[in-house]
Amino acid sequence: MRRMLLIGRSESGKTTLKQVLRGEKITYKKTQYVSQYDCIIDMPGEYAENMDLSHTIDLYAAESDVVGIVLSATEPYSLYPPNVTPLGNRDEVGIVTKIDHWAANPQQAAEWLKLTGCKKIFFTSSYTGEGIDEIFEFLREEHDICPVEKVMDALHKETFKKPADLPHYHLQ
C-alpha cells in the first residue's frame, strides 16, 4: 500500500479517517504530534494552519507517496490557496470528509479542492464507510506489504454492519 500523508485543518476528520483506514475503533483523540503508522502519516491540524509550522509538511511529504489534502464538508471556508498542489512532488488527492453530517456541503468542498489543483477527489464518511473502499483501491500496490484485505475485512465486519454511534447533535 502506498504511504499517505494526511494534512488538513484541525477537526477536519484526519485522525478519524486514519482510525478507519487502520481498522481501529473510532474514538476522539486530538493529534498532538505527527504520528506515523503502517501506511498513514497523521499530522496535527496546526501544521497546516500555522505558517511557522507549515514547512514541516514538506519533510513528511518526502516520507510519503501520496499527500491527502483533507477538507471537511462542513467547512465554511478553505484553508488552501489556489494551485498549491503543483508545488509538491508527490501525488496529491483531495479527501472530503464528514459527507454524512447534517450541515455538509460536499460539492463546495470539492470545488475548493479542485482549485488547489487536486485531480482526484474522494468523498468519505468515516461513520458510514462511504468512500473508504475507493481510498483503499487507490493506495493499493501490486505487491502490498500492508495487510489491506485483513484491515478491510475487519472494517466491514466491525464498523459498517452496525449503525453508526453518531453524537447527539447529528440529525437522525
Protein backbone atom coordinates (compact mmCIF):
# COMPACT_ATOMS: atom_id res chain seq x y z
CA MET A 1 0.00 0.00 0.00
CA ARG A 2 1.32 3.42 -0.86
CA ARG A 3 2.09 5.61 2.13
CA MET A 4 -0.25 8.59 2.53
CA LEU A 5 0.26 11.81 4.47
CA LEU A 6 -2.99 13.35 5.76
CA ILE A 7 -2.93 17.14 6.07
CA GLY A 8 -5.77 19.48 6.91
CA ARG A 9 -7.24 21.89 9.39
CA SER A 10 -7.91 20.88 13.00
CA GLU A 11 -11.10 18.82 13.37
CA SER A 12 -11.33 18.14 9.63
CA GLY A 13 -11.52 14.38 10.22
CA LYS A 14 -7.92 13.29 9.58
CA THR A 15 -7.47 11.19 12.71
CA THR A 16 -10.91 9.59 12.40
CA LEU A 17 -10.13 8.73 8.77
CA LYS A 18 -6.80 7.27 9.89
CA GLN A 19 -8.58 5.15 12.51
CA VAL A 20 -11.00 3.80 9.89
CA LEU A 21 -8.23 3.11 7.37
CA ARG A 22 -6.33 1.16 10.03
CA GLY A 23 -9.41 -0.76 11.19
CA GLU A 24 -9.40 0.81 14.64
CA LYS A 25 -12.35 1.76 16.80
CA ILE A 26 -13.40 5.36 16.18
CA THR A 27 -12.64 7.46 19.25
CA TYR A 28 -11.96 11.17 19.53
CA LYS A 29 -8.28 11.69 20.10
CA LYS A 30 -6.64 15.06 19.50
CA THR A 31 -3.46 14.56 17.50
CA GLN A 32 -0.67 16.29 19.40
CA TYR A 33 2.28 15.27 17.23
CA VAL A 34 3.00 13.75 13.83
CA SER A 35 2.04 10.09 14.00
CA GLN A 36 3.45 7.61 11.51
CA TYR A 37 1.53 4.38 11.23
CA ASP A 38 1.94 1.47 8.81
CA CYS A 39 0.95 3.40 5.70
CA ILE A 40 -0.67 6.53 7.14
CA ILE A 41 1.07 9.67 8.41
CA ASP A 42 -1.30 11.80 10.53
CA MET A 43 -0.35 15.44 11.19
CA PRO A 44 -1.90 17.82 13.71
CA GLY A 45 -4.04 20.47 12.04
CA GLU A 46 -1.86 23.21 13.47
CA TYR A 47 0.84 22.28 10.94
CA ALA A 48 -1.47 23.35 8.10
CA GLU A 49 -2.90 26.36 9.97
CA ASN A 50 0.33 27.96 11.21
CA MET A 51 2.90 29.39 8.78
CA ASP A 52 5.71 28.77 11.29
CA LEU A 53 4.94 25.04 11.31
CA SER A 54 3.87 24.56 7.69
CA HIS A 55 7.42 23.94 6.44
CA THR A 56 7.40 20.59 8.24
CA ILE A 57 4.69 19.38 5.84
CA ASP A 58 7.42 19.19 3.19
CA LEU A 59 9.54 16.98 5.44
CA TYR A 60 6.77 14.45 5.94
CA ALA A 61 5.61 14.67 2.34
CA ALA A 62 9.07 13.36 1.43
CA GLU A 63 8.30 10.29 3.57
CA SER A 64 5.04 9.61 1.73
CA ASP A 65 3.95 8.51 -1.74
CA VAL A 66 0.64 10.41 -1.69
CA VAL A 67 -0.46 13.59 0.06
CA GLY A 68 -4.11 13.55 1.10
CA ILE A 69 -5.47 17.08 1.44
CA VAL A 70 -8.38 16.70 3.85
CA LEU A 71 -11.28 19.15 3.88
CA SER A 72 -14.44 18.68 5.90
CA ALA A 73 -17.73 19.03 4.03
CA THR A 74 -18.87 21.27 6.90
CA GLU A 75 -16.09 23.87 6.45
CA PRO A 76 -17.23 27.48 5.98
CA TYR A 77 -14.02 28.30 4.05
CA SER A 78 -10.96 26.68 2.51
CA LEU A 79 -7.58 26.89 4.19
CA TYR A 80 -5.72 26.09 0.97
CA PRO A 81 -4.66 28.64 -1.65
CA PRO A 82 -5.42 28.04 -5.34
CA ASN A 83 -2.90 25.97 -7.33
CA VAL A 84 -0.87 24.88 -4.30
CA THR A 85 -0.59 21.19 -5.28
CA PRO A 86 1.74 21.66 -8.29
CA LEU A 87 4.36 22.92 -5.81
CA GLY A 88 4.76 19.42 -4.35
CA ASN A 89 6.49 16.47 -5.95
CA ARG A 90 4.02 13.84 -4.74
CA ASP A 91 0.60 12.74 -5.92
CA GLU A 92 -1.94 14.97 -4.20
CA VAL A 93 -5.53 13.86 -3.74
CA GLY A 94 -8.42 15.68 -2.15
CA ILE A 95 -10.44 13.97 0.56
CA VAL A 96 -13.81 15.45 1.51
CA THR A 97 -14.79 14.12 4.95
CA LYS A 98 -17.99 14.24 7.01
CA ILE A 99 -20.29 13.93 3.99
CA ASP A 100 -22.93 12.34 6.26
CA HIS A 101 -23.11 15.40 8.54
CA TRP A 102 -26.41 17.29 8.51
CA ALA A 103 -24.66 20.56 7.57
CA ALA A 104 -22.44 19.02 4.90
CA ASN A 105 -21.85 20.73 1.57
CA PRO A 106 -19.55 18.25 -0.21
CA GLN A 107 -19.88 19.96 -3.60
CA GLN A 108 -18.46 23.22 -2.20
CA ALA A 109 -15.59 21.38 -0.51
CA ALA A 110 -14.82 19.53 -3.76
CA GLU A 111 -14.74 22.82 -5.68
CA TRP A 112 -12.25 24.25 -3.19
CA LEU A 113 -10.07 21.14 -3.54
CA LYS A 114 -10.22 21.40 -7.34
CA LEU A 115 -8.99 24.99 -7.05
CA THR A 116 -5.94 23.77 -5.11
CA GLY A 117 -5.08 21.53 -8.06
CA CYS A 118 -6.33 18.14 -6.83
CA LYS A 119 -7.14 15.98 -9.85
CA LYS A 120 -8.70 13.14 -7.82
CA ILE A 121 -11.19 13.75 -5.02
CA PHE A 122 -12.65 11.19 -2.62
CA PHE A 123 -15.94 11.74 -0.77
CA THR A 124 -15.86 9.94 2.58
CA SER A 125 -17.78 9.29 5.75
CA SER A 126 -15.83 7.55 8.47
CA TYR A 127 -19.07 6.62 10.25
CA THR A 128 -20.95 5.08 7.30
CA GLY A 129 -17.88 3.83 5.41
CA GLU A 130 -18.75 5.64 2.20
CA GLY A 131 -15.66 6.25 0.07
CA ILE A 132 -13.28 4.19 2.22
CA ASP A 133 -13.02 1.31 -0.27
CA GLU A 134 -12.13 3.79 -3.03
CA ILE A 135 -9.23 5.14 -0.97
CA PHE A 136 -8.00 1.59 -0.31
CA GLU A 137 -8.13 0.81 -4.04
CA PHE A 138 -6.24 4.00 -4.85
CA LEU A 139 -3.49 3.22 -2.33
CA ARG A 140 -3.20 -0.45 -3.24
CA GLU A 141 0.01 -1.60 -4.92
CA GLU A 142 0.78 -4.81 -6.75
CA HIS A 143 2.98 -6.28 -4.00
CA ASP A 144 1.49 -4.79 -0.86
CA ILE A 145 3.31 -5.10 2.43
CA CYS A 146 0.34 -3.72 4.39
CA PRO A 147 -2.46 -6.19 5.14
CA VAL A 148 -5.14 -4.30 3.18
CA GLU A 149 -7.56 -7.21 2.84
CA LYS A 150 -7.26 -8.05 6.53
CA VAL A 151 -7.98 -4.46 7.55
CA MET A 152 -10.86 -4.13 5.06
CA ASP A 153 -12.46 -7.35 6.28
CA ALA A 154 -12.21 -6.24 9.91
CA LEU A 155 -13.53 -2.83 8.97
CA HIS A 156 -16.61 -4.15 7.24
CA LYS A 157 -17.28 -6.65 10.00
CA GLU A 158 -16.82 -4.26 12.93
CA THR A 159 -17.79 -0.86 11.56
CA PHE A 160 -20.15 -0.89 8.63
CA LYS A 161 -22.54 -3.73 9.57
CA LYS A 162 -23.89 -1.93 12.63
CA PRO A 163 -25.47 1.51 12.90
CA ALA A 164 -23.06 4.34 13.48
CA ASP A 165 -22.91 5.68 17.03
CA LEU A 166 -23.32 9.31 16.00
CA PRO A 167 -23.06 12.12 18.52
CA HIS A 168 -26.36 13.55 19.75
CA TYR A 169 -26.12 16.71 17.63
CA HIS A 170 -26.49 14.81 14.35
CA LEU A 171 -29.95 14.79 12.86
CA GLN A 172 -31.41 11.32 12.53
